[in-house]
N, C-alpha and C. Protein backbone atom coordinates (compact mmCIF):
# COMPACT_ATOMS: atom_id res chain seq x y z
N MET A 1 -44.71 17.73 12.18
CA MET A 1 -43.54 17.58 11.60
C MET A 1 -42.56 16.44 12.07
N ARG A 2 -42.36 16.63 13.37
CA ARG A 2 -41.24 15.49 13.83
C ARG A 2 -41.93 13.80 12.77
N LEU A 3 -43.10 13.77 13.30
CA LEU A 3 -43.75 12.39 12.41
C LEU A 3 -43.31 12.50 10.85
N LEU A 4 -43.23 13.54 9.78
CA LEU A 4 -43.00 13.99 8.65
C LEU A 4 -40.89 13.59 8.37
N ILE A 5 -40.68 14.26 9.29
CA ILE A 5 -38.83 14.26 9.49
C ILE A 5 -38.81 12.59 9.64
N ALA A 6 -39.28 12.51 10.49
CA ALA A 6 -38.75 10.62 10.96
C ALA A 6 -39.25 9.69 9.34
N SER A 7 -40.56 10.07 8.58
CA SER A 7 -40.76 9.47 7.64
C SER A 7 -39.39 9.84 7.02
N LEU A 8 -39.40 11.13 6.55
CA LEU A 8 -38.09 11.29 5.56
C LEU A 8 -36.81 10.41 5.60
N CYS A 9 -36.67 10.66 6.99
CA CYS A 9 -35.16 9.72 6.84
C CYS A 9 -35.34 8.27 7.16
N LEU A 10 -36.78 7.59 7.41
CA LEU A 10 -36.68 6.38 6.77
C LEU A 10 -36.83 6.02 5.73
N LEU A 11 -37.47 6.67 5.25
CA LEU A 11 -37.40 6.90 3.29
C LEU A 11 -35.89 6.71 2.92
N SER A 12 -35.46 7.79 3.23
CA SER A 12 -33.96 7.87 2.77
C SER A 12 -32.67 6.89 3.35
N ALA A 13 -33.08 6.30 4.63
CA ALA A 13 -32.24 4.84 4.56
C ALA A 13 -32.65 3.62 4.03
N LEU A 14 -33.92 3.83 3.80
CA LEU A 14 -34.29 2.41 2.88
C LEU A 14 -33.81 2.80 1.24
N LEU A 15 -33.91 3.79 0.75
CA LEU A 15 -33.84 4.05 -0.64
C LEU A 15 -31.97 4.16 -0.63
N SER A 16 -31.10 4.64 0.21
CA SER A 16 -30.16 4.60 -0.07
C SER A 16 -29.38 2.84 0.56
N SER A 17 -29.92 2.40 1.39
CA SER A 17 -29.96 1.00 1.44
C SER A 17 -29.36 0.00 0.33
N GLY A 18 -29.81 0.47 -0.89
CA GLY A 18 -29.82 -0.27 -1.88
C GLY A 18 -29.00 0.11 -2.93
N CYS A 19 -28.34 0.93 -2.52
CA CYS A 19 -26.72 1.83 -3.11
C CYS A 19 -25.97 1.41 -3.05
N ALA A 20 -25.66 0.47 -1.72
CA ALA A 20 -24.49 0.04 -1.47
C ALA A 20 -24.41 -1.39 -2.42
N MET A 21 -25.28 -1.62 -2.87
CA MET A 21 -25.11 -2.98 -3.51
C MET A 21 -25.18 -3.25 -5.09
N LYS A 22 -25.42 -1.54 -5.33
CA LYS A 22 -25.46 -1.38 -6.93
C LYS A 22 -24.40 -2.00 -7.53
N ASN A 23 -23.31 -1.98 -7.08
CA ASN A 23 -21.62 -2.04 -7.72
C ASN A 23 -20.97 -3.56 -6.54
N PRO A 24 -21.73 -4.62 -7.07
CA PRO A 24 -21.44 -5.48 -5.94
C PRO A 24 -20.05 -6.18 -6.05
N VAL A 25 -19.34 -5.20 -7.91
CA VAL A 25 -18.08 -6.12 -7.87
C VAL A 25 -16.92 -5.07 -6.69
N ALA A 26 -17.61 -3.64 -6.19
CA ALA A 26 -17.11 -3.14 -5.60
C ALA A 26 -16.64 -3.81 -4.30
N VAL A 27 -17.92 -4.17 -4.15
CA VAL A 27 -18.05 -4.76 -2.38
C VAL A 27 -17.16 -5.60 -2.37
N TRP A 28 -17.12 -6.43 -3.40
CA TRP A 28 -16.27 -7.46 -3.02
C TRP A 28 -14.75 -7.40 -3.58
N GLN A 29 -14.89 -6.11 -4.01
CA GLN A 29 -13.05 -5.72 -4.09
C GLN A 29 -12.55 -5.49 -2.67
N GLY A 30 -13.53 -4.78 -1.99
CA GLY A 30 -13.50 -4.19 -0.43
C GLY A 30 -13.10 -5.48 0.55
N SER A 31 -14.04 -6.35 0.12
CA SER A 31 -13.81 -7.87 1.20
C SER A 31 -12.32 -8.14 1.04
N LEU A 32 -12.17 -8.30 -0.19
CA LEU A 32 -10.46 -9.00 -1.05
C LEU A 32 -9.67 -7.95 -0.27
N ASP A 33 -9.70 -6.39 -0.49
CA ASP A 33 -9.03 -6.24 0.32
C ASP A 33 -8.90 -6.35 1.78
N GLU A 34 -9.82 -5.93 2.32
CA GLU A 34 -9.36 -6.36 3.85
C GLU A 34 -8.77 -7.79 4.17
N TYR A 35 -9.11 -8.65 3.30
CA TYR A 35 -8.83 -9.89 3.61
C TYR A 35 -7.14 -10.26 3.20
N ILE A 36 -6.91 -9.65 2.08
CA ILE A 36 -5.14 -9.63 2.26
C ILE A 36 -4.58 -8.85 2.94
N ALA A 37 -4.84 -7.36 3.56
CA ALA A 37 -4.67 -6.80 4.61
C ALA A 37 -4.45 -7.16 5.61
N GLY A 38 -5.21 -8.02 6.05
CA GLY A 38 -5.55 -8.65 7.62
C GLY A 38 -4.60 -10.06 7.88
N GLN A 39 -5.34 -11.10 6.89
CA GLN A 39 -4.66 -12.13 6.78
C GLN A 39 -3.02 -12.46 6.27
N GLY A 40 -2.88 -11.56 5.32
CA GLY A 40 -1.81 -11.65 4.60
C GLY A 40 -1.13 -10.42 4.80
N ALA A 41 -1.33 -9.76 5.66
CA ALA A 41 -0.26 -8.74 5.84
C ALA A 41 0.19 -7.79 4.73
N GLY A 42 -0.89 -7.57 3.78
CA GLY A 42 -0.84 -7.35 2.55
C GLY A 42 0.01 -7.48 1.55
N ASP A 43 0.04 -8.95 1.34
CA ASP A 43 0.71 -9.94 0.80
C ASP A 43 -0.07 -10.84 -0.45
N PRO A 44 -0.66 -10.23 -1.39
CA PRO A 44 -1.42 -11.01 -2.28
C PRO A 44 -1.43 -12.18 -2.51
N ASN A 45 -0.29 -13.13 -1.93
CA ASN A 45 0.09 -14.23 -1.97
C ASN A 45 -0.63 -15.35 -1.30
N ILE A 46 -1.39 -14.75 -0.21
CA ILE A 46 -2.54 -15.11 1.06
C ILE A 46 -2.94 -15.88 -0.32
N LEU A 47 -3.58 -15.74 -1.33
CA LEU A 47 -4.62 -15.85 -1.73
C LEU A 47 -4.52 -17.40 -2.35
N ARG A 48 -3.24 -17.91 -2.18
CA ARG A 48 -2.69 -19.34 -2.45
C ARG A 48 -3.21 -20.15 -1.29
N ASP A 49 -3.32 -19.75 -0.28
CA ASP A 49 -4.35 -20.59 1.00
C ASP A 49 -5.42 -20.99 0.82
N THR A 50 -6.31 -20.11 -0.30
CA THR A 50 -7.48 -20.42 -0.33
C THR A 50 -8.58 -21.20 -1.16
N VAL A 51 -7.48 -22.07 -1.44
CA VAL A 51 -7.91 -23.16 -2.06
C VAL A 51 -9.30 -23.91 -1.99
N ASP A 52 -10.09 -23.60 -2.68
CA ASP A 52 -11.40 -24.40 -2.23
C ASP A 52 -12.44 -25.22 -3.31
N MET A 53 -11.71 -25.21 -4.50
CA MET A 53 -12.07 -25.47 -5.87
C MET A 53 -11.41 -26.73 -6.22
N HIS A 54 -11.90 -27.79 -6.37
CA HIS A 54 -10.95 -28.71 -7.25
C HIS A 54 -11.95 -29.23 -8.42
N SER A 55 -11.23 -29.97 -10.06
CA SER A 55 -11.89 -30.04 -10.85
C SER A 55 -12.02 -31.71 -10.55
N ARG A 56 -13.11 -32.21 -10.82
CA ARG A 56 -13.43 -33.72 -10.21
C ARG A 56 -13.08 -34.53 -11.32
N ARG A 57 -13.49 -33.82 -12.56
CA ARG A 57 -13.62 -34.93 -13.54
C ARG A 57 -11.68 -34.65 -15.01
N ARG A 58 -11.11 -33.57 -14.05
CA ARG A 58 -9.89 -33.38 -14.85
C ARG A 58 -8.68 -33.33 -14.01
N LEU A 59 -7.50 -33.70 -14.25
CA LEU A 59 -6.35 -33.43 -13.05
C LEU A 59 -5.90 -32.11 -13.50
N ARG A 60 -6.03 -31.22 -13.04
CA ARG A 60 -5.70 -30.00 -13.40
C ARG A 60 -5.25 -28.82 -12.03
N PRO A 61 -4.12 -27.77 -11.54
CA PRO A 61 -4.06 -27.52 -10.19
C PRO A 61 -5.70 -26.68 -10.17
N ALA A 62 -5.95 -26.67 -8.67
CA ALA A 62 -7.28 -26.22 -8.15
C ALA A 62 -7.36 -24.67 -8.60
N LEU A 63 -8.21 -24.48 -8.76
CA LEU A 63 -8.83 -22.79 -8.64
C LEU A 63 -8.54 -22.35 -7.46
N VAL A 64 -8.18 -20.89 -7.21
CA VAL A 64 -8.16 -20.57 -5.87
C VAL A 64 -9.04 -19.21 -6.18
N THR A 65 -9.89 -19.44 -5.45
CA THR A 65 -11.20 -18.47 -5.57
C THR A 65 -11.36 -17.95 -4.07
N TYR A 66 -11.98 -16.82 -4.31
CA TYR A 66 -12.18 -15.50 -3.11
C TYR A 66 -13.61 -15.24 -3.31
N GLY A 67 -14.42 -15.58 -2.67
CA GLY A 67 -15.83 -14.95 -2.55
C GLY A 67 -16.99 -14.77 -1.26
N GLY A 68 -18.22 -14.88 -1.88
CA GLY A 68 -19.22 -14.77 -0.81
C GLY A 68 -20.27 -14.08 -1.20
N GLU A 69 -21.26 -14.18 0.15
CA GLU A 69 -22.64 -13.19 0.14
C GLU A 69 -22.11 -12.00 0.90
N PHE A 70 -22.67 -11.00 -0.39
CA PHE A 70 -21.96 -9.29 0.37
C PHE A 70 -23.79 -9.12 0.25
N LYS A 71 -24.08 -8.22 1.62
CA LYS A 71 -25.36 -8.12 1.96
C LYS A 71 -25.17 -6.50 2.21
N GLY A 72 -26.50 -5.56 1.76
CA GLY A 72 -26.14 -4.14 1.96
C GLY A 72 -26.94 -4.01 3.25
N PRO A 73 -27.06 -2.81 3.51
CA PRO A 73 -27.42 -2.35 5.13
C PRO A 73 -29.02 -2.43 4.61
N GLY A 74 -29.50 -2.17 5.51
CA GLY A 74 -31.11 -1.74 5.56
C GLY A 74 -32.38 -2.96 6.26
N MET A 75 -33.39 -2.51 6.40
CA MET A 75 -34.13 -3.70 7.13
C MET A 75 -34.42 -4.99 6.55
N PRO A 76 -34.48 -6.51 7.19
CA PRO A 76 -34.89 -7.12 6.75
C PRO A 76 -35.86 -7.28 5.68
N GLY A 77 -35.81 -7.67 4.23
CA GLY A 77 -36.53 -7.84 3.56
C GLY A 77 -36.40 -6.64 2.41
N PHE A 78 -35.75 -5.60 3.09
CA PHE A 78 -35.20 -4.54 1.82
C PHE A 78 -33.62 -4.79 1.66
N ARG A 79 -33.13 -6.06 2.74
CA ARG A 79 -31.41 -5.89 2.20
C ARG A 79 -31.09 -6.34 0.89
N ALA A 80 -30.10 -5.82 -0.17
CA ALA A 80 -29.64 -6.04 -1.14
C ALA A 80 -28.33 -6.92 -0.95
N GLU A 81 -28.61 -8.10 -1.84
CA GLU A 81 -27.45 -9.15 -1.62
C GLU A 81 -26.95 -9.97 -2.82
N ARG A 82 -25.77 -10.22 -2.70
CA ARG A 82 -25.21 -10.49 -3.92
C ARG A 82 -24.22 -11.72 -3.53
N TYR A 83 -24.21 -12.81 -4.54
CA TYR A 83 -22.99 -13.58 -4.32
C TYR A 83 -22.36 -13.56 -5.04
N VAL A 84 -20.68 -13.04 -4.99
CA VAL A 84 -19.58 -12.83 -5.85
C VAL A 84 -18.54 -13.69 -5.72
N ASN A 85 -17.89 -14.11 -6.33
CA ASN A 85 -16.71 -14.89 -6.46
C ASN A 85 -15.87 -14.64 -7.08
N GLY A 86 -14.70 -14.96 -7.22
CA GLY A 86 -13.39 -14.43 -7.85
C GLY A 86 -12.41 -15.44 -8.10
N VAL A 87 -11.78 -15.79 -9.44
CA VAL A 87 -11.29 -16.88 -9.61
C VAL A 87 -9.79 -16.22 -9.80
N LEU A 88 -8.70 -16.07 -9.02
CA LEU A 88 -7.17 -15.85 -9.63
C LEU A 88 -6.89 -16.50 -10.48
N LEU A 89 -6.91 -15.81 -11.95
CA LEU A 89 -6.69 -16.68 -12.80
C LEU A 89 -4.29 -16.42 -13.14
N GLY A 90 -4.12 -15.84 -12.20
CA GLY A 90 -2.18 -15.34 -12.55
C GLY A 90 -1.78 -14.14 -12.21
N GLN A 91 -0.23 -14.45 -12.14
CA GLN A 91 -0.04 -13.05 -12.04
C GLN A 91 1.26 -12.90 -13.18
N ARG A 92 1.19 -11.74 -13.00
CA ARG A 92 1.74 -11.29 -14.44
C ARG A 92 2.79 -9.77 -14.33
N GLU A 93 3.89 -9.92 -14.95
CA GLU A 93 4.69 -8.47 -14.72
C GLU A 93 3.81 -7.30 -16.11
N VAL A 94 4.20 -6.37 -15.12
CA VAL A 94 3.72 -5.41 -16.25
C VAL A 94 3.86 -4.38 -15.84
N ASP A 95 5.21 -3.58 -16.41
CA ASP A 95 6.03 -2.26 -16.34
C ASP A 95 6.28 -2.53 -14.94
N SER A 96 7.04 -3.76 -15.04
CA SER A 96 8.27 -3.99 -13.88
C SER A 96 7.21 -4.09 -12.23
N ARG A 97 5.87 -4.26 -12.64
CA ARG A 97 4.68 -4.62 -11.29
C ARG A 97 4.21 -5.51 -11.34
N PRO A 98 3.88 -6.44 -10.25
CA PRO A 98 3.12 -7.49 -10.48
C PRO A 98 1.38 -7.08 -10.08
N TRP A 99 0.97 -7.71 -11.29
CA TRP A 99 -0.54 -7.48 -11.08
C TRP A 99 -1.36 -9.19 -11.21
N TYR A 100 -1.82 -9.15 -10.51
CA TYR A 100 -2.82 -10.37 -10.37
C TYR A 100 -4.20 -10.35 -10.86
N PHE A 101 -4.54 -11.03 -11.65
CA PHE A 101 -5.66 -11.08 -12.40
C PHE A 101 -6.81 -12.06 -12.18
N VAL A 102 -7.90 -11.45 -12.14
CA VAL A 102 -9.12 -12.26 -11.22
C VAL A 102 -10.26 -12.39 -11.80
N LEU A 103 -10.96 -13.31 -12.49
CA LEU A 103 -12.34 -13.47 -12.94
C LEU A 103 -13.16 -13.47 -12.40
N VAL A 104 -14.32 -12.36 -11.93
CA VAL A 104 -14.89 -12.06 -11.20
C VAL A 104 -16.46 -12.09 -11.53
N GLY A 105 -17.20 -13.21 -10.76
CA GLY A 105 -18.90 -13.25 -11.24
C GLY A 105 -19.47 -12.71 -10.43
N VAL A 106 -20.95 -12.50 -10.47
CA VAL A 106 -21.82 -12.04 -9.89
C VAL A 106 -22.74 -12.82 -10.50
N ARG A 107 -23.69 -13.45 -9.44
CA ARG A 107 -24.86 -14.33 -9.26
C ARG A 107 -26.49 -12.91 -8.65
N SER A 108 -27.16 -13.61 -9.14
CA SER A 108 -28.49 -12.85 -9.26
C SER A 108 -28.73 -12.66 -7.50
N ARG A 109 -29.68 -11.98 -7.28
CA ARG A 109 -30.34 -11.99 -5.96
C ARG A 109 -30.93 -13.02 -5.30
N ASP A 110 -31.73 -13.60 -6.24
CA ASP A 110 -32.48 -14.57 -6.17
C ASP A 110 -32.18 -15.82 -6.54
N ASP A 111 -30.72 -16.06 -7.11
CA ASP A 111 -29.74 -17.19 -7.13
C ASP A 111 -30.26 -18.09 -8.41
N THR A 112 -30.82 -17.83 -9.57
CA THR A 112 -30.91 -17.94 -10.97
C THR A 112 -30.35 -18.10 -12.02
N GLU A 113 -29.48 -16.53 -11.86
CA GLU A 113 -28.27 -16.96 -13.18
C GLU A 113 -27.23 -16.15 -12.53
N ILE A 114 -26.40 -16.09 -13.47
CA ILE A 114 -25.28 -15.20 -13.16
C ILE A 114 -25.37 -13.94 -13.97
N GLU A 115 -25.27 -12.54 -13.31
CA GLU A 115 -25.58 -11.48 -13.62
C GLU A 115 -24.22 -11.11 -14.58
N ASP A 116 -23.19 -11.06 -13.99
CA ASP A 116 -22.04 -10.53 -14.40
C ASP A 116 -20.40 -11.01 -14.35
N ILE A 117 -19.79 -10.88 -15.30
CA ILE A 117 -18.50 -11.85 -14.87
C ILE A 117 -17.78 -10.68 -16.00
N ARG A 118 -16.82 -9.91 -14.97
CA ARG A 118 -15.39 -9.07 -15.55
C ARG A 118 -13.94 -9.63 -14.84
N LEU A 119 -13.44 -9.06 -15.98
CA LEU A 119 -11.64 -9.49 -15.62
C LEU A 119 -11.72 -8.18 -14.64
N ALA A 120 -10.91 -8.52 -13.07
CA ALA A 120 -10.23 -7.53 -13.06
C ALA A 120 -8.67 -7.40 -12.42
N ALA A 121 -8.02 -6.63 -12.19
CA ALA A 121 -6.55 -6.83 -11.97
C ALA A 121 -6.06 -5.98 -10.96
N PHE A 122 -5.32 -6.36 -9.71
CA PHE A 122 -5.02 -5.57 -8.79
C PHE A 122 -3.11 -5.54 -8.80
N THR A 123 -2.60 -4.73 -8.13
CA THR A 123 -1.39 -4.88 -7.80
C THR A 123 -1.07 -3.92 -6.21
N PRO A 124 -0.05 -4.46 -5.67
CA PRO A 124 0.38 -4.12 -4.22
C PRO A 124 0.73 -2.73 -4.66
N ALA A 125 0.11 -1.38 -3.75
CA ALA A 125 0.42 -0.03 -3.46
C ALA A 125 0.92 0.34 -2.26
N LYS A 126 1.44 1.40 -1.85
CA LYS A 126 1.10 2.05 -0.71
C LYS A 126 0.22 1.89 0.44
N ALA A 127 -0.66 2.60 -0.25
CA ALA A 127 -2.34 2.56 0.53
C ALA A 127 -3.21 1.03 0.06
N GLY A 128 -2.25 0.13 0.13
CA GLY A 128 -3.43 -1.06 -0.11
C GLY A 128 -3.22 -1.49 -1.30
N LEU A 129 -4.18 -1.77 -2.10
CA LEU A 129 -4.07 -2.07 -3.34
C LEU A 129 -5.25 -1.81 -4.80
N LEU A 130 -4.00 -1.15 -5.88
CA LEU A 130 -4.62 -0.82 -6.99
C LEU A 130 -5.56 -1.83 -7.80
N TRP A 131 -6.53 -1.26 -8.35
CA TRP A 131 -7.55 -1.91 -8.78
C TRP A 131 -7.82 -1.52 -10.17
N ARG A 132 -7.89 -2.38 -11.21
CA ARG A 132 -7.99 -2.39 -12.61
C ARG A 132 -9.46 -2.80 -13.18
N VAL A 133 -10.24 -2.97 -13.05
CA VAL A 133 -11.84 -3.16 -13.43
C VAL A 133 -12.19 -3.37 -15.16
N ALA A 134 -12.37 -4.21 -15.83
CA ALA A 134 -13.17 -4.21 -16.98
C ALA A 134 -14.59 -3.86 -16.91
N PRO A 135 -14.76 -3.25 -18.13
CA PRO A 135 -16.63 -2.80 -17.79
C PRO A 135 -17.26 -4.07 -18.22
N PRO A 136 -18.65 -4.08 -17.81
CA PRO A 136 -19.27 -5.12 -17.91
C PRO A 136 -19.11 -5.67 -19.44
N ASP A 137 -19.21 -7.13 -19.91
CA ASP A 137 -19.07 -7.62 -21.15
C ASP A 137 -20.62 -8.32 -21.48
N PRO A 138 -21.10 -7.68 -21.90
CA PRO A 138 -22.75 -8.57 -22.02
C PRO A 138 -22.46 -10.07 -23.03
N GLU A 139 -21.95 -9.26 -23.97
CA GLU A 139 -21.47 -11.24 -25.07
C GLU A 139 -20.63 -12.10 -24.62
N ALA A 140 -19.74 -11.50 -23.90
CA ALA A 140 -18.68 -12.50 -23.41
C ALA A 140 -19.50 -13.22 -22.50
N LEU A 141 -20.37 -12.90 -21.43
CA LEU A 141 -21.25 -13.30 -20.50
C LEU A 141 -22.32 -14.23 -20.90
N ALA A 142 -23.04 -13.78 -21.54
CA ALA A 142 -24.06 -14.55 -23.03
C ALA A 142 -23.19 -16.09 -23.12
N ARG A 143 -21.92 -16.31 -23.78
CA ARG A 143 -21.52 -17.09 -24.77
C ARG A 143 -21.33 -17.98 -23.21
N TYR A 144 -20.83 -17.54 -22.07
CA TYR A 144 -20.33 -18.59 -21.01
C TYR A 144 -21.28 -18.97 -20.67
N THR A 145 -22.71 -18.20 -19.89
CA THR A 145 -24.00 -18.36 -19.60
C THR A 145 -24.41 -19.66 -20.47
N SER A 146 -24.67 -19.67 -21.74
CA SER A 146 -24.88 -20.76 -22.94
C SER A 146 -24.40 -21.89 -22.65
N ALA A 147 -22.95 -21.94 -22.51
CA ALA A 147 -22.70 -22.82 -22.80
C ALA A 147 -22.40 -23.79 -21.56
N MET A 148 -22.66 -23.31 -20.06
CA MET A 148 -23.09 -23.92 -18.68
C MET A 148 -24.60 -24.18 -18.54
N GLU A 149 -25.27 -24.20 -19.56
CA GLU A 149 -26.84 -24.53 -19.40
C GLU A 149 -27.02 -25.71 -19.48
N GLY A 150 -27.27 -26.46 -18.55
CA GLY A 150 -27.84 -27.83 -18.23
C GLY A 150 -26.33 -28.72 -16.59
N ASP A 151 -25.60 -27.80 -16.89
CA ASP A 151 -24.51 -28.46 -16.00
C ASP A 151 -24.94 -28.34 -14.34
N SER A 152 -26.04 -27.60 -13.94
CA SER A 152 -26.43 -27.67 -12.65
C SER A 152 -28.30 -26.85 -12.70
N PRO A 153 -28.95 -27.08 -11.78
CA PRO A 153 -30.03 -26.43 -11.75
C PRO A 153 -29.63 -25.53 -11.04
N VAL A 154 -28.68 -25.00 -10.52
CA VAL A 154 -28.31 -23.64 -9.60
C VAL A 154 -27.00 -22.90 -10.75
N PRO A 155 -27.05 -21.98 -11.41
CA PRO A 155 -25.79 -21.76 -11.97
C PRO A 155 -24.87 -21.20 -10.81
N ALA A 156 -23.31 -21.58 -11.11
CA ALA A 156 -22.06 -21.44 -10.21
C ALA A 156 -21.45 -20.66 -10.97
N PHE A 157 -20.74 -20.14 -10.63
CA PHE A 157 -19.47 -19.37 -10.65
C PHE A 157 -18.48 -19.42 -9.85
N PRO A 158 -17.08 -19.94 -10.62
CA PRO A 158 -17.17 -20.83 -11.71
C PRO A 158 -17.41 -22.18 -11.12
N SER A 159 -17.32 -22.96 -12.85
CA SER A 159 -17.91 -23.93 -12.78
C SER A 159 -16.83 -25.00 -12.94
N PRO A 160 -17.44 -25.94 -12.15
CA PRO A 160 -16.07 -27.09 -11.77
C PRO A 160 -15.48 -27.29 -12.76
N LEU A 161 -16.35 -27.33 -14.36
CA LEU A 161 -15.71 -27.93 -15.72
C LEU A 161 -15.31 -26.43 -16.59
N ASP A 162 -14.97 -25.76 -15.90
CA ASP A 162 -14.60 -24.37 -16.34
C ASP A 162 -12.66 -24.67 -16.43
N ARG A 163 -12.22 -24.34 -18.01
CA ARG A 163 -10.63 -24.03 -18.06
C ARG A 163 -10.62 -22.84 -18.45
N TYR A 164 -9.22 -22.05 -17.67
CA TYR A 164 -9.04 -20.91 -18.15
C TYR A 164 -7.83 -20.62 -18.42
N THR A 165 -7.90 -19.47 -19.59
CA THR A 165 -6.04 -19.18 -19.81
C THR A 165 -6.26 -17.91 -19.44
N LEU A 166 -5.42 -16.95 -19.65
CA LEU A 166 -4.56 -15.76 -19.43
C LEU A 166 -3.68 -15.52 -20.07
N GLY A 167 -3.72 -14.83 -21.09
CA GLY A 167 -3.15 -13.95 -21.81
C GLY A 167 -2.63 -12.22 -21.94
N LEU A 168 -1.47 -12.12 -22.33
CA LEU A 168 -1.31 -10.65 -21.96
C LEU A 168 -0.19 -10.08 -23.39
N SER A 169 -1.03 -9.08 -23.68
CA SER A 169 0.01 -7.99 -24.72
C SER A 169 -0.07 -6.85 -24.54
N GLY A 170 1.46 -6.73 -24.42
CA GLY A 170 1.24 -5.31 -23.61
C GLY A 170 0.98 -5.11 -22.70
N HIS A 171 -0.34 -4.08 -22.56
CA HIS A 171 -1.08 -3.32 -21.34
C HIS A 171 -2.21 -4.17 -21.23
N VAL A 172 -2.49 -5.08 -22.10
CA VAL A 172 -3.99 -5.23 -22.38
C VAL A 172 -3.78 -6.83 -22.08
N ALA A 173 -4.67 -7.38 -21.42
CA ALA A 173 -4.83 -8.74 -20.68
C ALA A 173 -6.17 -9.58 -21.29
N THR A 174 -6.12 -10.45 -21.85
CA THR A 174 -7.11 -11.23 -21.99
C THR A 174 -7.31 -12.92 -21.28
N ALA A 175 -8.71 -12.99 -20.63
CA ALA A 175 -9.01 -14.18 -20.07
C ALA A 175 -10.11 -14.94 -20.86
N ALA A 176 -10.17 -16.14 -20.80
CA ALA A 176 -10.54 -16.74 -22.01
C ALA A 176 -11.13 -18.13 -21.09
N GLU A 177 -12.31 -18.82 -21.18
CA GLU A 177 -12.81 -19.85 -20.73
C GLU A 177 -13.16 -20.42 -21.66
N GLU A 178 -12.35 -21.21 -22.00
CA GLU A 178 -12.46 -22.97 -22.97
C GLU A 178 -13.26 -23.37 -23.97
N ARG A 179 -13.81 -23.46 -22.59
CA ARG A 179 -15.49 -24.77 -22.58
C ARG A 179 -16.32 -23.60 -23.67
N SER A 180 -16.75 -22.64 -23.37
CA SER A 180 -17.52 -21.66 -24.08
C SER A 180 -17.07 -20.80 -24.90
N GLY A 181 -16.14 -20.83 -24.89
CA GLY A 181 -15.17 -19.11 -26.09
C GLY A 181 -15.44 -18.34 -25.44
N ALA A 182 -15.70 -18.07 -24.15
CA ALA A 182 -16.18 -16.22 -23.90
C ALA A 182 -14.53 -16.06 -23.50
N ALA A 183 -14.63 -14.58 -23.77
CA ALA A 183 -13.21 -14.18 -23.44
C ALA A 183 -13.56 -12.74 -23.36
N TRP A 184 -12.85 -12.01 -21.77
CA TRP A 184 -12.86 -10.69 -20.96
C TRP A 184 -11.39 -10.10 -21.47
N GLU A 185 -11.45 -8.71 -21.79
CA GLU A 185 -10.41 -8.31 -22.13
C GLU A 185 -10.12 -7.25 -20.83
N LEU A 186 -9.01 -6.35 -20.61
CA LEU A 186 -8.88 -5.49 -19.45
C LEU A 186 -7.57 -4.55 -20.07
N ASP A 187 -7.58 -3.20 -19.94
CA ASP A 187 -6.19 -2.42 -20.63
C ASP A 187 -6.10 -1.75 -19.21
N LEU A 188 -4.60 -2.65 -19.23
CA LEU A 188 -3.89 -1.62 -17.72
C LEU A 188 -3.57 -0.08 -18.42
N GLY A 189 -3.29 0.06 -19.24
CA GLY A 189 -2.97 1.35 -19.91
C GLY A 189 -3.67 2.26 -18.67
N ASP A 190 -2.97 3.77 -19.06
CA ASP A 190 -3.22 4.62 -18.11
C ASP A 190 -4.41 5.65 -19.02
């Protein structure tokens, strides 16, 4: 009986370990929340100090990125891990609140493809950050990845060649990458 209970507990732990990384964007959000709370005392402007990517081919402002490798719980060999990067596109006022817009990309576990890119936005709130995240957009992802084929043997998000624009019409934000023509939308309305 004890062996059965121990086996069921182990199986449950192994199955639940993958759950933590079923939504790598949410894991990335939590990491960014902690970074802003800890390093910036709740002020998102701390992200301006995280500049780590510059275009080598064009004179333009550096992209402000925040990302890393996020590992889910579990035994070695069963760990769920994803590489997630977010590019800060800008800050805009919506209904008298400052919203920060980030394009978030997720690379596959084996690092051979970009699995997802979404537009997300956050605004400071009393209990941390209030988030809005767009649903997956397979069409925009396909346009983006098709345009970057041949840039590098390992897909990167963001690419050093990317050029982003951010637009806002009422409560709808649109992020576009100029080279690929890919565009993502996020509705901030209730």
